[in-house]
Amino acid sequence: MLKDKHGIPEPDSDGHFYVTFWLFGEGYKEEGKNDRLCFNDMNPPVNCIEKDRVFSISSSRNRGTIFILNDGEYRMKKEGKIIKLKKE
Protein backbone atom coordinates (compact mmCIF):
# COMPACT_ATOMS: atom_id res chain seq x y z
CA MET A 1 0.00 0.00 0.00
CA LEU A 2 2.84 2.44 0.83
CA LYS A 3 4.53 1.64 -2.47
CA ASP A 4 1.32 2.11 -4.47
CA LYS A 5 0.16 5.31 -2.77
CA HIS A 6 3.42 7.05 -1.84
CA GLY A 7 6.26 5.35 -3.74
CA ILE A 8 7.78 4.15 -0.45
CA PRO A 9 10.22 2.50 -0.18
CA GLU A 10 12.34 3.90 -2.97
CA PRO A 11 15.43 1.68 -3.11
CA ASP A 12 18.75 3.19 -4.15
CA SER A 13 20.69 1.95 -7.19
CA ASP A 14 21.94 -1.07 -5.19
CA GLY A 15 18.41 -2.00 -4.12
CA HIS A 16 18.94 -0.85 -0.50
CA PHE A 17 16.30 1.00 1.49
CA TYR A 18 15.62 1.92 5.12
CA VAL A 19 12.19 2.99 6.40
CA THR A 20 11.32 3.99 9.98
CA PHE A 21 7.78 4.07 11.37
CA TRP A 22 7.28 6.67 14.09
CA LEU A 23 4.52 6.82 16.67
CA PHE A 24 2.49 9.86 15.72
CA GLY A 25 1.13 10.30 19.24
CA GLU A 26 -0.65 13.60 19.79
CA GLY A 27 0.12 14.90 16.31
CA TYR A 28 2.47 17.59 15.10
CA LYS A 29 4.21 19.86 17.59
CA GLU A 30 6.54 22.84 17.64
CA GLU A 31 10.25 22.09 17.62
CA GLY A 32 10.81 23.51 21.11
CA LYS A 33 13.71 22.36 23.23
CA ASN A 34 12.95 18.65 22.81
CA ASP A 35 14.80 16.47 20.31
CA ARG A 36 11.98 16.14 17.80
CA LEU A 37 11.90 15.03 14.18
CA CYS A 38 10.91 18.04 12.06
CA PHE A 39 9.75 17.98 8.45
CA ASN A 40 11.13 20.59 6.04
CA ASP A 41 8.25 20.12 3.59
CA MET A 42 5.77 21.46 6.18
CA ASN A 43 5.38 25.03 7.35
CA PRO A 44 6.70 25.69 10.88
CA PRO A 45 6.13 26.07 13.70
CA VAL A 46 3.93 22.95 14.01
CA ASN A 47 5.94 20.59 11.78
CA CYS A 48 7.63 18.18 14.23
CA ILE A 49 6.86 14.87 15.95
CA GLU A 50 8.38 13.16 18.97
CA LYS A 51 11.17 10.69 18.14
CA ASP A 52 9.30 7.60 19.26
CA ARG A 53 10.22 4.81 16.84
CA VAL A 54 7.83 1.87 16.52
CA PHE A 55 10.00 -0.17 14.15
CA SER A 56 12.22 0.06 11.08
CA ILE A 57 12.60 -2.03 7.95
CA SER A 58 15.77 -2.26 5.91
CA SER A 59 16.61 -4.23 2.83
CA SER A 60 19.93 -4.89 1.17
CA ARG A 61 21.43 -7.41 -1.18
CA ASN A 62 23.60 -8.97 1.54
CA ARG A 63 21.21 -9.04 4.51
CA GLY A 64 17.83 -9.26 2.78
CA THR A 65 14.82 -7.73 4.54
CA ILE A 66 15.36 -6.92 8.22
CA PHE A 67 12.76 -5.69 10.71
CA ILE A 68 14.21 -3.76 13.66
CA LEU A 69 12.07 -3.64 16.83
CA ASN A 70 12.79 -2.78 20.44
CA ASP A 71 13.32 -6.45 21.32
CA GLY A 72 15.73 -7.25 18.47
CA GLU A 73 16.09 -7.81 14.76
CA TYR A 74 14.15 -10.19 12.55
CA ARG A 75 15.03 -11.41 9.04
CA MET A 76 12.52 -12.39 6.38
CA LYS A 77 13.66 -15.52 4.59
CA LYS A 78 13.12 -15.99 0.87
CA GLU A 79 10.04 -18.17 1.43
CA GLY A 80 8.50 -15.42 3.60
CA LYS A 81 9.19 -16.94 7.03
CA ILE A 82 10.43 -14.41 9.61
CA ILE A 83 13.09 -15.45 12.15
CA LYS A 84 14.56 -13.57 15.10
CA LEU A 85 18.30 -12.94 14.76
CA LYS A 86 20.54 -13.80 17.70
CA LYS A 87 22.40 -10.93 19.34
CA GLU A 88 26.09 -10.92 18.54
PDB file of N, CA and C in Angstrom:
ATOM      1  N   MET A   1       0.823  -1.183   0.000  1.00  0.00           N
ATOM      2  CA  MET A   1       0.000   0.000   0.000  1.00  0.00           C
ATOM      3  C   MET A   1       0.875   1.258   0.000  1.00  0.00           C
ATOM      4  N   LEU A   2       1.937   1.275   0.817  1.00  0.00           N
ATOM      5  CA  LEU A   2       2.839   2.438   0.835  1.00  0.00           C
ATOM      6  C   LEU A   2       3.507   2.648  -0.519  1.00  0.00           C
ATOM      7  N   LYS A   3       3.891   1.551  -1.150  1.00  0.00           N
ATOM      8  CA  LYS A   3       4.533   1.645  -2.472  1.00  0.00           C
ATOM      9  C   LYS A   3       3.547   2.191  -3.500  1.00  0.00           C
ATOM     10  N   ASP A   4       2.320   1.679  -3.491  1.00  0.00           N
ATOM     11  CA  ASP A   4       1.321   2.111  -4.465  1.00  0.00           C
ATOM     12  C   ASP A   4       0.909   3.569  -4.275  1.00  0.00           C
ATOM     13  N   LYS A   5       0.668   3.968  -3.036  1.00  0.00           N
ATOM     14  CA  LYS A   5       0.156   5.314  -2.773  1.00  0.00           C
ATOM     15  C   LYS A   5       1.233   6.389  -2.696  1.00  0.00           C
ATOM     16  N   HIS A   6       2.416   6.030  -2.137  1.00  0.00           N
ATOM     17  CA  HIS A   6       3.416   7.050  -1.844  1.00  0.00           C
ATOM     18  C   HIS A   6       4.791   6.790  -2.455  1.00  0.00           C
ATOM     19  N   GLY A   7       4.961   5.673  -3.142  1.00  0.00           N
ATOM     20  CA  GLY A   7       6.257   5.351  -3.739  1.00  0.00           C
ATOM     21  C   GLY A   7       7.310   4.994  -2.699  1.00  0.00           C
ATOM     22  N   ILE A   8       6.872   4.493  -1.533  1.00  0.00           N
ATOM     23  CA  ILE A   8       7.784   4.148  -0.446  1.00  0.00           C
ATOM     24  C   ILE A   8       7.756   2.635  -0.258  1.00  0.00           C
ATOM     25  N   PRO A   9       8.864   1.980  -0.168  1.00  0.00           N
ATOM     26  CA  PRO A   9      10.222   2.503  -0.182  1.00  0.00           C
ATOM     27  C   PRO A   9      10.702   2.764  -1.603  1.00  0.00           C
ATOM     28  N   GLU A  10      11.694   3.620  -1.696  1.00  0.00           N
ATOM     29  CA  GLU A  10      12.335   3.905  -2.972  1.00  0.00           C
ATOM     30  C   GLU A  10      13.792   3.460  -2.860  1.00  0.00           C
ATOM     31  N   PRO A  11      14.065   2.202  -3.243  1.00  0.00           N
ATOM     32  CA  PRO A  11      15.427   1.676  -3.108  1.00  0.00           C
ATOM     33  C   PRO A  11      16.434   2.486  -3.915  1.00  0.00           C
ATOM     34  N   ASP A  12      17.696   2.514  -3.408  1.00  0.00           N
ATOM     35  CA  ASP A  12      18.754   3.188  -4.149  1.00  0.00           C
ATOM     36  C   ASP A  12      19.204   2.293  -5.304  1.00  0.00           C
ATOM     37  N   SER A  13      20.250   2.688  -5.999  1.00  0.00           N
ATOM     38  CA  SER A  13      20.692   1.950  -7.191  1.00  0.00           C
ATOM     39  C   SER A  13      21.152   0.530  -6.862  1.00  0.00           C
ATOM     40  N   ASP A  14      21.547   0.278  -5.611  1.00  0.00           N
ATOM     41  CA  ASP A  14      21.940  -1.072  -5.195  1.00  0.00           C
ATOM     42  C   ASP A  14      20.770  -1.892  -4.664  1.00  0.00           C
ATOM     43  N   GLY A  15      19.576  -1.298  -4.620  1.00  0.00           N
ATOM     44  CA  GLY A  15      18.405  -2.002  -4.117  1.00  0.00           C
ATOM     45  C   GLY A  15      18.183  -1.833  -2.621  1.00  0.00           C
ATOM     46  N   HIS A  16      19.031  -1.041  -1.953  1.00  0.00           N
ATOM     47  CA  HIS A  16      18.940  -0.855  -0.505  1.00  0.00           C
ATOM     48  C   HIS A  16      17.905   0.205  -0.151  1.00  0.00           C
ATOM     49  N   PHE A  17      17.167  -0.040   0.942  1.00  0.00           N
ATOM     50  CA  PHE A  17      16.300   1.002   1.492  1.00  0.00           C
ATOM     51  C   PHE A  17      16.223   0.837   2.999  1.00  0.00           C
ATOM     52  N   TYR A  18      15.806   1.903   3.673  1.00  0.00           N
ATOM     53  CA  TYR A  18      15.622   1.924   5.122  1.00  0.00           C
ATOM     54  C   TYR A  18      14.418   2.801   5.408  1.00  0.00           C
ATOM     55  N   VAL A  19      13.412   2.247   6.078  1.00  0.00           N
ATOM     56  CA  VAL A  19      12.192   2.988   6.398  1.00  0.00           C
ATOM     57  C   VAL A  19      11.940   2.862   7.895  1.00  0.00           C
ATOM     58  N   THR A  20      11.648   3.994   8.556  1.00  0.00           N
ATOM     59  CA  THR A  20      11.324   3.994   9.980  1.00  0.00           C
ATOM     60  C   THR A  20       9.881   4.434  10.159  1.00  0.00           C
ATOM     61  N   PHE A  21       9.159   3.728  11.018  1.00  0.00           N
ATOM     62  CA  PHE A  21       7.782   4.070  11.367  1.00  0.00           C
ATOM     63  C   PHE A  21       7.797   4.693  12.755  1.00  0.00           C
ATOM     64  N   TRP A  22       7.293   5.923  12.839  1.00  0.00           N
ATOM     65  CA  TRP A  22       7.285   6.671  14.091  1.00  0.00           C
ATOM     66  C   TRP A  22       5.877   6.679  14.671  1.00  0.00           C
ATOM     67  N   LEU A  23       5.795   6.666  15.992  1.00  0.00           N
ATOM     68  CA  LEU A  23       4.525   6.821  16.674  1.00  0.00           C
ATOM     69  C   LEU A  23       4.101   8.274  16.514  1.00  0.00           C
ATOM     70  N   PHE A  24       2.949   8.502  15.998  1.00  0.00           N
ATOM     71  CA  PHE A  24       2.490   9.863  15.724  1.00  0.00           C
ATOM     72  C   PHE A  24       1.990  10.549  16.980  1.00  0.00           C
ATOM     73  N   GLY A  25       1.534   9.761  17.944  1.00  0.00           N
ATOM     74  CA  GLY A  25       1.132  10.297  19.242  1.00  0.00           C
ATOM     75  C   GLY A  25       0.052  11.356  19.147  1.00  0.00           C
ATOM     76  N   GLU A  26       0.315  12.508  19.724  1.00  0.00           N
ATOM     77  CA  GLU A  26      -0.652  13.599  19.793  1.00  0.00           C
ATOM     78  C   GLU A  26      -0.602  14.513  18.573  1.00  0.00           C
ATOM     79  N   GLY A  27       0.065  14.103  17.527  1.00  0.00           N
ATOM     80  CA  GLY A  27       0.121  14.896  16.309  1.00  0.00           C
ATOM     81  C   GLY A  27       1.359  15.773  16.247  1.00  0.00           C
ATOM     82  N   TYR A  28       1.327  16.717  15.317  1.00  0.00           N
ATOM     83  CA  TYR A  28       2.472  17.594  15.098  1.00  0.00           C
ATOM     84  C   TYR A  28       2.622  18.596  16.226  1.00  0.00           C
ATOM     85  N   LYS A  29       3.885  18.933  16.520  1.00  0.00           N
ATOM     86  CA  LYS A  29       4.213  19.862  17.595  1.00  0.00           C
ATOM     87  C   LYS A  29       5.254  20.858  17.113  1.00  0.00           C
ATOM     88  N   GLU A  30       5.469  21.897  17.916  1.00  0.00           N
ATOM     89  CA  GLU A  30       6.544  22.838  17.640  1.00  0.00           C
ATOM     90  C   GLU A  30       7.872  22.185  17.996  1.00  0.00           C
ATOM     91  N   GLU A  31       8.943  22.682  17.372  1.00  0.00           N
ATOM     92  CA  GLU A  31      10.254  22.092  17.618  1.00  0.00           C
ATOM     93  C   GLU A  31      10.631  22.183  19.094  1.00  0.00           C
ATOM     94  N   GLY A  32      10.522  23.347  19.687  1.00  0.00           N
ATOM     95  CA  GLY A  32      10.808  23.513  21.110  1.00  0.00           C
ATOM     96  C   GLY A  32      12.212  23.091  21.479  1.00  0.00           C
ATOM     97  N   LYS A  33      12.398  22.764  22.745  1.00  0.00           N
ATOM     98  CA  LYS A  33      13.712  22.358  23.234  1.00  0.00           C
ATOM     99  C   LYS A  33      13.904  20.846  23.193  1.00  0.00           C
ATOM    100  N   ASN A  34      12.857  20.101  22.874  1.00  0.00           N
ATOM    101  CA  ASN A  34      12.950  18.650  22.805  1.00  0.00           C
ATOM    102  C   ASN A  34      13.630  18.230  21.508  1.00  0.00           C
ATOM    103  N   ASP A  35      14.175  17.015  21.511  1.00  0.00           N
ATOM    104  CA  ASP A  35      14.803  16.467  20.315  1.00  0.00           C
ATOM    105  C   ASP A  35      13.713  15.824  19.462  1.00  0.00           C
ATOM    106  N   ARG A  36      13.086  16.625  18.628  1.00  0.00           N
ATOM    107  CA  ARG A  36      11.980  16.142  17.797  1.00  0.00           C
ATOM    108  C   ARG A  36      12.415  16.006  16.341  1.00  0.00           C
ATOM    109  N   LEU A  37      11.681  15.208  15.610  1.00  0.00           N
ATOM    110  CA  LEU A  37      11.896  15.034  14.177  1.00  0.00           C
ATOM    111  C   LEU A  37      11.013  16.046  13.461  1.00  0.00           C
ATOM    112  N   CYS A  38      11.653  16.973  12.734  1.00  0.00           N
ATOM    113  CA  CYS A  38      10.911  18.039  12.059  1.00  0.00           C
ATOM    114  C   CYS A  38      10.970  17.845  10.549  1.00  0.00           C
ATOM    115  N   PHE A  39       9.882  18.191   9.885  1.00  0.00           N
ATOM    116  CA  PHE A  39       9.749  17.983   8.449  1.00  0.00           C
ATOM    117  C   PHE A  39       9.884  19.311   7.716  1.00  0.00           C
ATOM    118  N   ASN A  40      10.863  19.371   6.805  1.00  0.00           N
ATOM    119  CA  ASN A  40      11.126  20.589   6.044  1.00  0.00           C
ATOM    120  C   ASN A  40      10.052  20.898   5.014  1.00  0.00           C
ATOM    121  N   ASP A  41       9.276  19.893   4.613  1.00  0.00           N
ATOM    122  CA  ASP A  41       8.253  20.119   3.592  1.00  0.00           C
ATOM    123  C   ASP A  41       6.933  20.604   4.193  1.00  0.00           C
ATOM    124  N   MET A  42       6.943  20.910   5.495  1.00  0.00           N
ATOM    125  CA  MET A  42       5.766  21.455   6.176  1.00  0.00           C
ATOM    126  C   MET A  42       6.129  22.818   6.745  1.00  0.00           C
ATOM    127  N   ASN A  43       5.134  23.689   6.822  1.00  0.00           N
ATOM    128  CA  ASN A  43       5.379  25.027   7.354  1.00  0.00           C
ATOM    129  C   ASN A  43       5.492  24.989   8.878  1.00  0.00           C
ATOM    130  N   PRO A  44       6.582  25.586   9.428  1.00  0.00           N
ATOM    131  CA  PRO A  44       6.696  25.689  10.877  1.00  0.00           C
ATOM    132  C   PRO A  44       5.670  26.684  11.402  1.00  0.00           C
ATOM    133  N   PRO A  45       5.376  26.725  12.646  1.00  0.00           N
ATOM    134  CA  PRO A  45       6.129  26.068  13.702  1.00  0.00           C
ATOM    135  C   PRO A  45       5.641  24.661  14.044  1.00  0.00           C
ATOM    136  N   VAL A  46       4.474  24.253  13.613  1.00  0.00           N
ATOM    137  CA  VAL A  46       3.931  22.947  14.008  1.00  0.00           C
ATOM    138  C   VAL A  46       4.233  21.932  12.896  1.00  0.00           C
ATOM    139  N   ASN A  47       5.514  21.504  12.832  1.00  0.00           N
ATOM    140  CA  ASN A  47       5.945  20.590  11.775  1.00  0.00           C
ATOM    141  C   ASN A  47       6.857  19.479  12.309  1.00  0.00           C
ATOM    142  N   CYS A  48       6.743  19.163  13.608  1.00  0.00           N
ATOM    143  CA  CYS A  48       7.634  18.180  14.226  1.00  0.00           C
ATOM    144  C   CYS A  48       6.821  17.108  14.957  1.00  0.00           C
ATOM    145  N   ILE A  49       7.444  15.938  15.136  1.00  0.00           N
ATOM    146  CA  ILE A  49       6.862  14.873  15.954  1.00  0.00           C
ATOM    147  C   ILE A  49       7.917  14.402  16.945  1.00  0.00           C
ATOM    148  N   GLU A  50       7.452  13.751  18.014  1.00  0.00           N
ATOM    149  CA  GLU A  50       8.379  13.159  18.974  1.00  0.00           C
ATOM    150  C   GLU A  50       9.135  12.029  18.287  1.00  0.00           C
ATOM    151  N   LYS A  51      10.388  11.803  18.672  1.00  0.00           N
ATOM    152  CA  LYS A  51      11.173  10.690  18.141  1.00  0.00           C
ATOM    153  C   LYS A  51      10.855   9.436  18.944  1.00  0.00           C
ATOM    154  N   ASP A  52       9.766   8.802  18.570  1.00  0.00           N
ATOM    155  CA  ASP A  52       9.300   7.599  19.259  1.00  0.00           C
ATOM    156  C   ASP A  52       9.119   6.511  18.206  1.00  0.00           C
ATOM    157  N   ARG A  53      10.207   5.801  17.907  1.00  0.00           N
ATOM    158  CA  ARG A  53      10.219   4.809  16.838  1.00  0.00           C
ATOM    159  C   ARG A  53       9.429   3.564  17.236  1.00  0.00           C
ATOM    160  N   VAL A  54       8.575   3.112  16.323  1.00  0.00           N
ATOM    161  CA  VAL A  54       7.834   1.873  16.523  1.00  0.00           C
ATOM    162  C   VAL A  54       8.677   0.710  15.991  1.00  0.00           C
ATOM    163  N   PHE A  55       9.100   0.819  14.740  1.00  0.00           N
ATOM    164  CA  PHE A  55      10.001  -0.167  14.151  1.00  0.00           C
ATOM    165  C   PHE A  55      10.564   0.372  12.852  1.00  0.00           C
ATOM    166  N   SER A  56      11.595  -0.315  12.351  1.00  0.00           N
ATOM    167  CA  SER A  56      12.218   0.055  11.081  1.00  0.00           C
ATOM    168  C   SER A  56      12.332  -1.188  10.216  1.00  0.00           C
ATOM    169  N   ILE A  57      12.395  -0.952   8.918  1.00  0.00           N
ATOM    170  CA  ILE A  57      12.597  -2.032   7.951  1.00  0.00           C
ATOM    171  C   ILE A  57      13.754  -1.609   7.058  1.00  0.00           C
ATOM    172  N   SER A  58      14.693  -2.533   6.856  1.00  0.00           N
ATOM    173  CA  SER A  58      15.771  -2.263   5.912  1.00  0.00           C
ATOM    174  C   SER A  58      15.877  -3.441   4.964  1.00  0.00           C
ATOM    175  N   SER A  59      16.414  -3.160   3.806  1.00  0.00           N
ATOM    176  CA  SER A  59      16.610  -4.228   2.834  1.00  0.00           C
ATOM    177  C   SER A  59      17.902  -3.958   2.079  1.00  0.00           C
ATOM    178  N   SER A  60      18.696  -4.997   1.935  1.00  0.00           N
ATOM    179  CA  SER A  60      19.935  -4.889   1.166  1.00  0.00           C
ATOM    180  C   SER A  60      20.211  -6.226   0.503  1.00  0.00           C
ATOM    181  N   ARG A  61      21.091  -6.186  -0.459  1.00  0.00           N
ATOM    182  CA  ARG A  61      21.434  -7.406  -1.181  1.00  0.00           C
ATOM    183  C   ARG A  61      22.038  -8.452  -0.251  1.00  0.00           C
ATOM    184  N   ASN A  62      22.902  -8.025   0.660  1.00  0.00           N
ATOM    185  CA  ASN A  62      23.602  -8.969   1.537  1.00  0.00           C
ATOM    186  C   ASN A  62      22.740  -9.496   2.674  1.00  0.00           C
ATOM    187  N   ARG A  63      21.977  -8.634   3.324  1.00  0.00           N
ATOM    188  CA  ARG A  63      21.214  -9.045   4.514  1.00  0.00           C
ATOM    189  C   ARG A  63      19.770  -9.403   4.212  1.00  0.00           C
ATOM    190  N   GLY A  64      19.234  -9.023   3.070  1.00  0.00           N
ATOM    191  CA  GLY A  64      17.833  -9.259   2.777  1.00  0.00           C
ATOM    192  C   GLY A  64      16.975  -8.244   3.512  1.00  0.00           C
ATOM    193  N   THR A  65      15.741  -8.629   3.850  1.00  0.00           N
ATOM    194  CA  THR A  65      14.824  -7.726   4.540  1.00  0.00           C
ATOM    195  C   THR A  65      14.919  -7.971   6.041  1.00  0.00           C
ATOM    196  N   ILE A  66      15.191  -6.876   6.776  1.00  0.00           N
ATOM    197  CA  ILE A  66      15.362  -6.922   8.221  1.00  0.00           C
ATOM    198  C   ILE A  66      14.342  -5.997   8.874  1.00  0.00           C
ATOM    199  N   PHE A  67      13.674  -6.493   9.905  1.00  0.00           N
ATOM    200  CA  PHE A  67      12.756  -5.692  10.713  1.00  0.00           C
ATOM    201  C   PHE A  67      13.450  -5.411  12.040  1.00  0.00           C
ATOM    202  N   ILE A  68      13.544  -4.146  12.432  1.00  0.00           N
ATOM    203  CA  ILE A  68      14.211  -3.760  13.665  1.00  0.00           C
ATOM    204  C   ILE A  68      13.155  -3.269  14.654  1.00  0.00           C
ATOM    205  N   LEU A  69      13.022  -3.985  15.771  1.00  0.00           N
ATOM    206  CA  LEU A  69      12.066  -3.636  16.825  1.00  0.00           C
ATOM    207  C   LEU A  69      12.836  -3.428  18.127  1.00  0.00           C
ATOM    208  N   ASN A  70      12.136  -3.004  19.155  1.00  0.00           N
ATOM    209  CA  ASN A  70      12.795  -2.777  20.439  1.00  0.00           C
ATOM    210  C   ASN A  70      13.405  -4.047  21.021  1.00  0.00           C
ATOM    211  N   ASP A  71      12.819  -5.206  20.726  1.00  0.00           N
ATOM    212  CA  ASP A  71      13.325  -6.447  21.319  1.00  0.00           C
ATOM    213  C   ASP A  71      14.321  -7.190  20.440  1.00  0.00           C
ATOM    214  N   GLY A  72      14.728  -6.609  19.315  1.00  0.00           N
ATOM    215  CA  GLY A  72      15.729  -7.252  18.474  1.00  0.00           C
ATOM    216  C   GLY A  72      15.453  -7.082  16.987  1.00  0.00           C
ATOM    217  N   GLU A  73      16.212  -7.850  16.209  1.00  0.00           N
ATOM    218  CA  GLU A  73      16.089  -7.808  14.757  1.00  0.00           C
ATOM    219  C   GLU A  73      15.553  -9.136  14.240  1.00  0.00           C
ATOM    220  N   TYR A  74      14.759  -9.030  13.172  1.00  0.00           N
ATOM    221  CA  TYR A  74      14.150 -10.190  12.550  1.00  0.00           C
ATOM    222  C   TYR A  74      14.453 -10.157  11.058  1.00  0.00           C
ATOM    223  N   ARG A  75      14.736 -11.317  10.477  1.00  0.00           N
ATOM    224  CA  ARG A  75      15.031 -11.411   9.039  1.00  0.00           C
ATOM    225  C   ARG A  75      13.922 -12.180   8.353  1.00  0.00           C
ATOM    226  N   MET A  76      13.506 -11.672   7.187  1.00  0.00           N
ATOM    227  CA  MET A  76      12.524 -12.391   6.382  1.00  0.00           C
ATOM    228  C   MET A  76      13.280 -13.284   5.401  1.00  0.00           C
ATOM    229  N   LYS A  77      13.022 -14.573   5.501  1.00  0.00           N
ATOM    230  CA  LYS A  77      13.662 -15.522   4.595  1.00  0.00           C
ATOM    231  C   LYS A  77      12.973 -15.466   3.227  1.00  0.00           C
ATOM    232  N   LYS A  78      13.624 -16.046   2.240  1.00  0.00           N
ATOM    233  CA  LYS A  78      13.120 -15.992   0.865  1.00  0.00           C
ATOM    234  C   LYS A  78      11.711 -16.550   0.737  1.00  0.00           C
ATOM    235  N   GLU A  79      11.372 -17.577   1.518  1.00  0.00           N
ATOM    236  CA  GLU A  79      10.037 -18.167   1.429  1.00  0.00           C
ATOM    237  C   GLU A  79       9.000 -17.387   2.226  1.00  0.00           C
ATOM    238  N   GLY A  80       9.427 -16.271   2.880  1.00  0.00           N
ATOM    239  CA  GLY A  80       8.501 -15.419   3.603  1.00  0.00           C
ATOM    240  C   GLY A  80       8.487 -15.627   5.106  1.00  0.00           C
ATOM    241  N   LYS A  81       9.143 -16.678   5.591  1.00  0.00           N
ATOM    242  CA  LYS A  81       9.194 -16.938   7.027  1.00  0.00           C
ATOM    243  C   LYS A  81      10.082 -15.876   7.689  1.00  0.00           C
ATOM    244  N   ILE A  82       9.669 -15.421   8.882  1.00  0.00           N
ATOM    245  CA  ILE A  82      10.427 -14.407   9.614  1.00  0.00           C
ATOM    246  C   ILE A  82      11.039 -15.063  10.850  1.00  0.00           C
ATOM    247  N   ILE A  83      12.373 -14.872  11.009  1.00  0.00           N
ATOM    248  CA  ILE A  83      13.087 -15.447  12.146  1.00  0.00           C
ATOM    249  C   ILE A  83      13.775 -14.339  12.937  1.00  0.00           C
ATOM    250  N   LYS A  84      13.862 -14.538  14.251  1.00  0.00           N
ATOM    251  CA  LYS A  84      14.563 -13.574  15.104  1.00  0.00           C
ATOM    252  C   LYS A  84      16.063 -13.860  15.021  1.00  0.00           C
ATOM    253  N   LEU A  85      16.845 -12.790  14.827  1.00  0.00           N
ATOM    254  CA  LEU A  85      18.296 -12.940  14.764  1.00  0.00           C
ATOM    255  C   LEU A  85      18.853 -12.942  16.182  1.00  0.00           C
ATOM    256  N   LYS A  86      19.884 -13.747  16.386  1.00  0.00           N
ATOM    257  CA  LYS A  86      20.541 -13.803  17.697  1.00  0.00           C
ATOM    258  C   LYS A  86      21.442 -12.590  17.842  1.00  0.00           C
ATOM    259  N   LYS A  87      21.507 -12.065  19.065  1.00  0.00           N
ATOM    260  CA  LYS A  87      22.398 -10.928  19.339  1.00  0.00           C
ATOM    261  C   LYS A  87      23.835 -11.404  19.268  1.00  0.00           C
ATOM    262  N   GLU A  88      24.665 -10.557  18.678  1.00  0.00           N
ATOM    263  CA  GLU A  88      26.089 -10.918  18.539  1.00  0.00           C
ATOM    264  C   GLU A  88      26.860 -10.602  19.777  1.00  0.00           C
TER     265      GLU A  88
END
